[in-house]
């Protein structure tokens, strides 16, 4: 699973120096931050960096970045090298609170990726703020809505801030996908004209015991179908219970 880079503000920047004492051109650096946030799909409504910052390797300073007029984030900046001959310096940057994902990009990419995997249209919502910070295990918990069904989606990220895996709690599966999986096996054991009906809802939440109930339909004849699904949403077994005499 790789729905694309989540847009962390990190990495190297190159900016000009100001004055004979090798100070950081903080106004120019603020413009550079605006450019970078725009490339990430964000709008930096305000950027404020401290003045009179010495351009010295190892020097750390913090800028305040207001995004979309909603939230202000602290951006830590480290001077990594200084070239006085060219009047330029290199900087490493990173959000003070850690690695973060751009929520709008994340919502869109995850909705498409998880919808494709689950077999139907879903909407993923990772919050109302512009950024979401990863926890200590490099995870973000979001909400997944599929029709009338809502579940929690936990997303794993790698070091490059790409989403690598996801987990739903409780697990969710598409009714149409389940019916298509069951159909050939049930027809092989019953009759070639049998159809499978797992209910009116487009998506089904997997119960704790993994047992789902569908119906095998053959003309006017209907029979209950018990289906066991494992925690990976694979069909383990199915059966038509014996009818009481």
Protein backbone atom coordinates (compact mmCIF):
# COMPACT_ATOMS: atom_id res chain seq x y z
CA UNK A 1 0.00 0.00 0.00
CA UNK A 2 1.50 3.30 -1.06
CA UNK A 3 -0.98 6.11 -1.69
CA UNK A 4 1.83 8.64 -2.06
CA UNK A 5 3.97 10.83 0.12
CA UNK A 6 2.06 12.30 3.01
CA UNK A 7 3.88 15.60 2.72
CA UNK A 8 6.12 15.99 5.75
CA UNK A 9 8.02 19.26 5.96
CA UNK A 10 11.54 17.95 6.33
CA UNK A 11 14.78 17.91 4.47
CA UNK A 12 17.39 20.36 3.25
CA UNK A 13 16.82 23.98 2.25
CA UNK A 14 19.30 26.46 0.84
CA UNK A 15 18.91 30.14 1.65
CA UNK A 16 20.87 33.36 1.35
CA UNK A 17 22.80 35.05 4.13
CA UNK A 18 22.56 38.70 5.09
CA UNK A 19 25.10 41.19 6.42
CA UNK A 20 28.81 41.00 7.00
CA UNK A 21 28.40 38.92 10.18
CA UNK A 22 26.82 35.98 8.30
CA UNK A 23 23.27 36.26 9.58
CA UNK A 24 20.39 34.20 8.22
CA UNK A 25 18.20 36.20 5.87
CA UNK A 26 15.10 35.27 7.86
CA UNK A 27 12.71 37.24 5.64
CA UNK A 28 13.97 35.37 2.62
CA UNK A 29 13.77 32.14 4.59
CA UNK A 30 10.12 32.87 5.45
CA UNK A 31 9.39 33.15 1.72
CA UNK A 32 11.16 29.83 1.19
CA UNK A 33 8.91 28.20 3.81
CA UNK A 34 5.82 29.58 2.06
CA UNK A 35 7.01 28.09 -1.21
CA UNK A 36 7.62 24.69 0.41
CA UNK A 37 4.23 24.60 2.15
CA UNK A 38 2.53 25.48 -1.15
CA UNK A 39 4.30 22.55 -2.82
CA UNK A 40 2.92 20.34 -0.03
CA UNK A 41 -0.64 21.44 -0.84
CA UNK A 42 -0.91 23.80 2.13
CA UNK A 43 -1.37 27.55 2.41
CA UNK A 44 0.96 29.27 4.85
CA UNK A 45 -1.11 32.29 5.90
CA UNK A 46 1.61 33.53 8.27
CA UNK A 47 5.29 32.68 8.70
CA UNK A 48 7.45 34.20 11.43
CA UNK A 49 11.12 33.36 12.02
CA UNK A 50 13.32 35.00 14.65
CA UNK A 51 15.53 37.89 13.57
CA UNK A 52 19.29 38.19 14.10
CA UNK A 53 20.00 34.46 13.72
CA UNK A 54 23.70 33.68 13.39
CA UNK A 55 24.55 31.54 10.36
CA UNK A 56 26.67 28.99 12.20
CA UNK A 57 26.62 25.19 11.66
CA UNK A 58 24.63 23.56 14.42
CA UNK A 59 22.59 26.68 15.13
CA UNK A 60 18.92 25.82 15.75
CA UNK A 61 16.02 28.24 15.58
CA UNK A 62 12.26 27.83 15.39
CA UNK A 63 9.81 29.45 12.99
CA UNK A 64 6.06 29.67 13.52
CA UNK A 65 3.98 28.62 10.51
CA UNK A 66 0.25 29.34 10.44
CA UNK A 67 -1.47 27.01 7.96
CA UNK A 68 -4.77 27.78 6.25
CA UNK A 69 -5.53 30.35 8.94
CA UNK A 70 -6.47 27.47 11.25
CA UNK A 71 -3.46 26.21 13.12
CA UNK A 72 0.07 27.39 13.92
CA UNK A 73 2.88 24.83 13.88
CA UNK A 74 6.45 25.15 15.14
CA UNK A 75 9.11 24.38 12.52
CA UNK A 76 12.60 23.65 13.84
CA UNK A 77 15.45 24.77 11.57
CA UNK A 78 19.07 23.64 11.91
CA UNK A 79 21.95 25.33 10.09
CA UNK A 80 23.97 22.45 8.62
CA UNK A 81 26.60 24.29 6.62
CA UNK A 82 27.62 27.82 5.67
CA UNK A 83 29.39 28.96 2.51
CA UNK A 84 30.45 32.55 3.09
CA UNK A 85 31.96 32.80 -0.39
CA UNK A 86 28.56 32.29 -2.01
CA UNK A 87 26.65 33.88 0.89
CA UNK A 88 24.46 30.79 1.18
CA UNK A 89 23.68 28.32 3.93
CA UNK A 90 22.09 24.87 4.06
CA UNK A 91 19.36 24.03 6.55
CA UNK A 92 17.56 20.93 7.77
CA UNK A 93 13.94 21.45 8.75
CA UNK A 94 11.33 19.42 10.55
CA UNK A 95 8.12 19.98 12.43
CA UNK A 96 8.83 20.44 16.13
CA UNK A 97 6.20 17.83 17.06
CA UNK A 98 7.57 15.18 14.70
CA UNK A 99 6.69 13.65 11.36
CA UNK A 100 3.34 14.80 10.01
CA UNK A 101 0.96 14.07 7.15
CA UNK A 102 -1.08 16.59 5.16
CA UNK A 103 -4.65 15.68 6.04
CA UNK A 104 -6.29 16.69 2.74
CA UNK A 105 -3.81 14.62 0.72
CA UNK A 106 -4.02 11.72 3.14
CA UNK A 107 -7.85 11.65 3.13
CA UNK A 108 -7.98 11.60 -0.66
CA UNK A 109 -5.29 8.98 -1.25
CA UNK A 110 -6.48 6.65 1.51
CA UNK A 111 -10.11 6.86 0.38
CA UNK A 112 -9.06 5.71 -3.10
CA UNK A 113 -6.63 3.03 -1.92
CA UNK A 114 -8.83 1.51 0.79
CA UNK A 115 -11.90 1.69 -1.43
CA UNK A 116 -10.05 -0.28 -4.10
CA UNK A 117 -8.89 -2.87 -1.58
CA UNK A 118 -12.28 -3.23 0.09
CA UNK A 119 -14.24 -3.36 -3.15
CA UNK A 120 -16.42 -0.26 -2.84
CA UNK A 121 -16.50 3.49 -2.33
CA UNK A 122 -15.36 4.63 1.13
CA UNK A 123 -14.50 7.97 2.71
CA UNK A 124 -11.50 8.32 5.03
CA UNK A 125 -11.38 11.25 7.44
CA UNK A 126 -8.17 11.91 9.36
CA UNK A 127 -9.22 15.06 11.20
CA UNK A 128 -10.10 18.73 10.78
CA UNK A 129 -6.61 20.22 11.18
CA UNK A 130 -4.23 20.70 8.23
CA UNK A 131 -1.61 18.30 9.65
CA UNK A 132 -1.72 15.04 11.60
CA UNK A 133 1.35 13.96 13.53
CA UNK A 134 2.41 10.31 13.64
CA UNK A 135 2.50 8.63 17.02
CA UNK A 136 5.54 6.85 18.50
CA UNK A 137 4.78 3.74 16.41
CA UNK A 138 4.52 5.84 13.20
CA UNK A 139 0.77 5.39 13.03
CA UNK A 140 -2.25 7.63 12.50
CA UNK A 141 -5.79 6.65 13.41
CA UNK A 142 -8.53 7.87 11.07
CA UNK A 143 -12.24 7.28 10.59
CA UNK A 144 -13.52 5.25 7.65
CA UNK A 145 -17.12 5.64 6.50
CA UNK A 146 -18.66 3.16 4.07
CA UNK A 147 -22.34 3.80 3.45
CA UNK A 148 -24.05 3.58 6.83
CA UNK A 149 -21.11 1.77 8.42
CA UNK A 150 -18.28 3.49 10.31
CA UNK A 151 -15.06 1.93 11.56
CA UNK A 152 -11.61 3.01 12.77
CA UNK A 153 -8.66 2.82 10.35
CA UNK A 154 -5.10 2.74 11.72
CA UNK A 155 -2.49 3.62 9.09
CA UNK A 156 1.21 2.63 9.30
CA UNK A 157 3.95 4.78 7.72
CA UNK A 158 7.53 4.08 6.75
CA UNK A 159 10.54 6.35 7.24
CA UNK A 160 9.80 8.13 3.95
CA UNK A 161 6.28 8.98 5.15
CA UNK A 162 4.56 6.59 2.76
CA UNK A 163 1.56 4.67 4.06
CA UNK A 164 2.55 1.00 4.09
CA UNK A 165 -0.28 -0.87 5.80
CA UNK A 166 -3.70 -0.38 7.37
CA UNK A 167 -5.91 -2.06 9.93
CA UNK A 168 -9.64 -1.68 10.48
CA UNK A 169 -11.25 -2.09 13.89
CA UNK A 170 -13.73 -3.64 13.56
CA UNK A 171 -12.83 -5.13 10.15
CA UNK A 172 -15.07 -4.25 7.22
CA UNK A 173 -15.82 -6.02 3.96
CA UNK A 174 -17.90 -5.23 0.91
CA UNK A 175 -21.09 -7.25 0.52
CA UNK A 176 -20.66 -7.58 -3.27
CA UNK A 177 -17.09 -8.81 -2.87
CA UNK A 178 -18.16 -11.43 -0.33
CA UNK A 179 -21.02 -12.61 -2.54
CA UNK A 180 -18.69 -12.94 -5.54
CA UNK A 181 -16.23 -14.96 -3.48
CA UNK A 182 -18.92 -17.33 -2.24
CA UNK A 183 -20.83 -17.77 -5.49
CA UNK A 184 -18.67 -20.33 -7.39
CA UNK A 185 -18.07 -22.49 -4.32
CA UNK A 186 -21.75 -22.55 -3.33
CA UNK A 187 -22.87 -23.29 -6.89
CA UNK A 188 -20.41 -26.15 -7.11
CA UNK A 189 -21.94 -27.77 -4.00
CA UNK A 190 -25.59 -26.92 -4.68
CA UNK A 191 -26.98 -25.86 -8.06
CA UNK A 192 -25.65 -23.78 -11.01
CA UNK A 193 -28.50 -21.25 -10.76
CA UNK A 194 -27.99 -20.35 -7.08
CA UNK A 195 -27.49 -16.68 -6.18
CA UNK A 196 -26.03 -15.32 -2.93
CA UNK A 197 -27.64 -12.51 -0.94
CA UNK A 198 -25.74 -11.13 2.06
CA UNK A 199 -28.22 -8.37 2.88
CA UNK A 200 -29.07 -4.84 1.77
CA UNK A 201 -26.01 -3.01 3.21
CA UNK A 202 -23.14 -2.34 0.81
CA UNK A 203 -20.57 -3.05 3.57
CA UNK A 204 -20.56 -5.46 6.49
CA UNK A 205 -18.69 -5.20 9.78
CA UNK A 206 -17.02 -8.48 10.74
CA UNK A 207 -18.45 -9.71 14.07
CA UNK A 208 -16.03 -10.71 16.83
CA UNK A 209 -16.65 -14.42 16.12
CA UNK A 210 -16.25 -13.91 12.37
CA UNK A 211 -19.65 -15.44 11.56
CA UNK A 212 -21.74 -13.72 8.89
CA UNK A 213 -25.17 -14.79 7.67
CA UNK A 214 -26.18 -14.77 4.02
CA UNK A 215 -28.90 -16.45 1.99
CA UNK A 216 -28.62 -18.91 -0.88
CA UNK A 217 -31.43 -18.24 -3.34
CA UNK A 218 -32.53 -20.68 -6.06
CA UNK A 219 -35.77 -19.50 -7.63
CA UNK A 220 -38.38 -19.61 -4.89
CA UNK A 221 -36.16 -21.66 -2.61
CA UNK A 222 -34.10 -19.90 0.05
CA UNK A 223 -31.62 -21.37 2.51
CA UNK A 224 -29.60 -19.76 5.27
CA UNK A 225 -25.89 -19.63 4.68
CA UNK A 226 -23.39 -19.35 7.52
CA UNK A 227 -20.02 -17.88 6.51
CA UNK A 228 -16.90 -17.66 8.68
CA UNK A 229 -14.45 -14.88 7.79
CA UNK A 230 -11.00 -14.62 9.40
CA UNK A 231 -9.41 -11.40 10.68
CA UNK A 232 -7.84 -10.86 7.24
CA UNK A 233 -11.36 -10.95 5.74
CA UNK A 234 -10.71 -14.23 3.92
CA UNK A 235 -13.55 -16.79 3.82
CA UNK A 236 -12.53 -19.74 5.99
CA UNK A 237 -15.63 -21.87 5.48
CA UNK A 238 -19.31 -21.76 4.72
CA UNK A 239 -22.20 -24.11 5.28
CA UNK A 240 -25.95 -24.40 4.91
CA UNK A 241 -27.14 -25.52 8.36
CA UNK A 242 -29.36 -28.56 8.45
CA UNK A 243 -33.01 -27.59 8.64
CA UNK A 244 -34.94 -28.92 11.66
CA UNK A 245 -37.29 -31.81 10.83
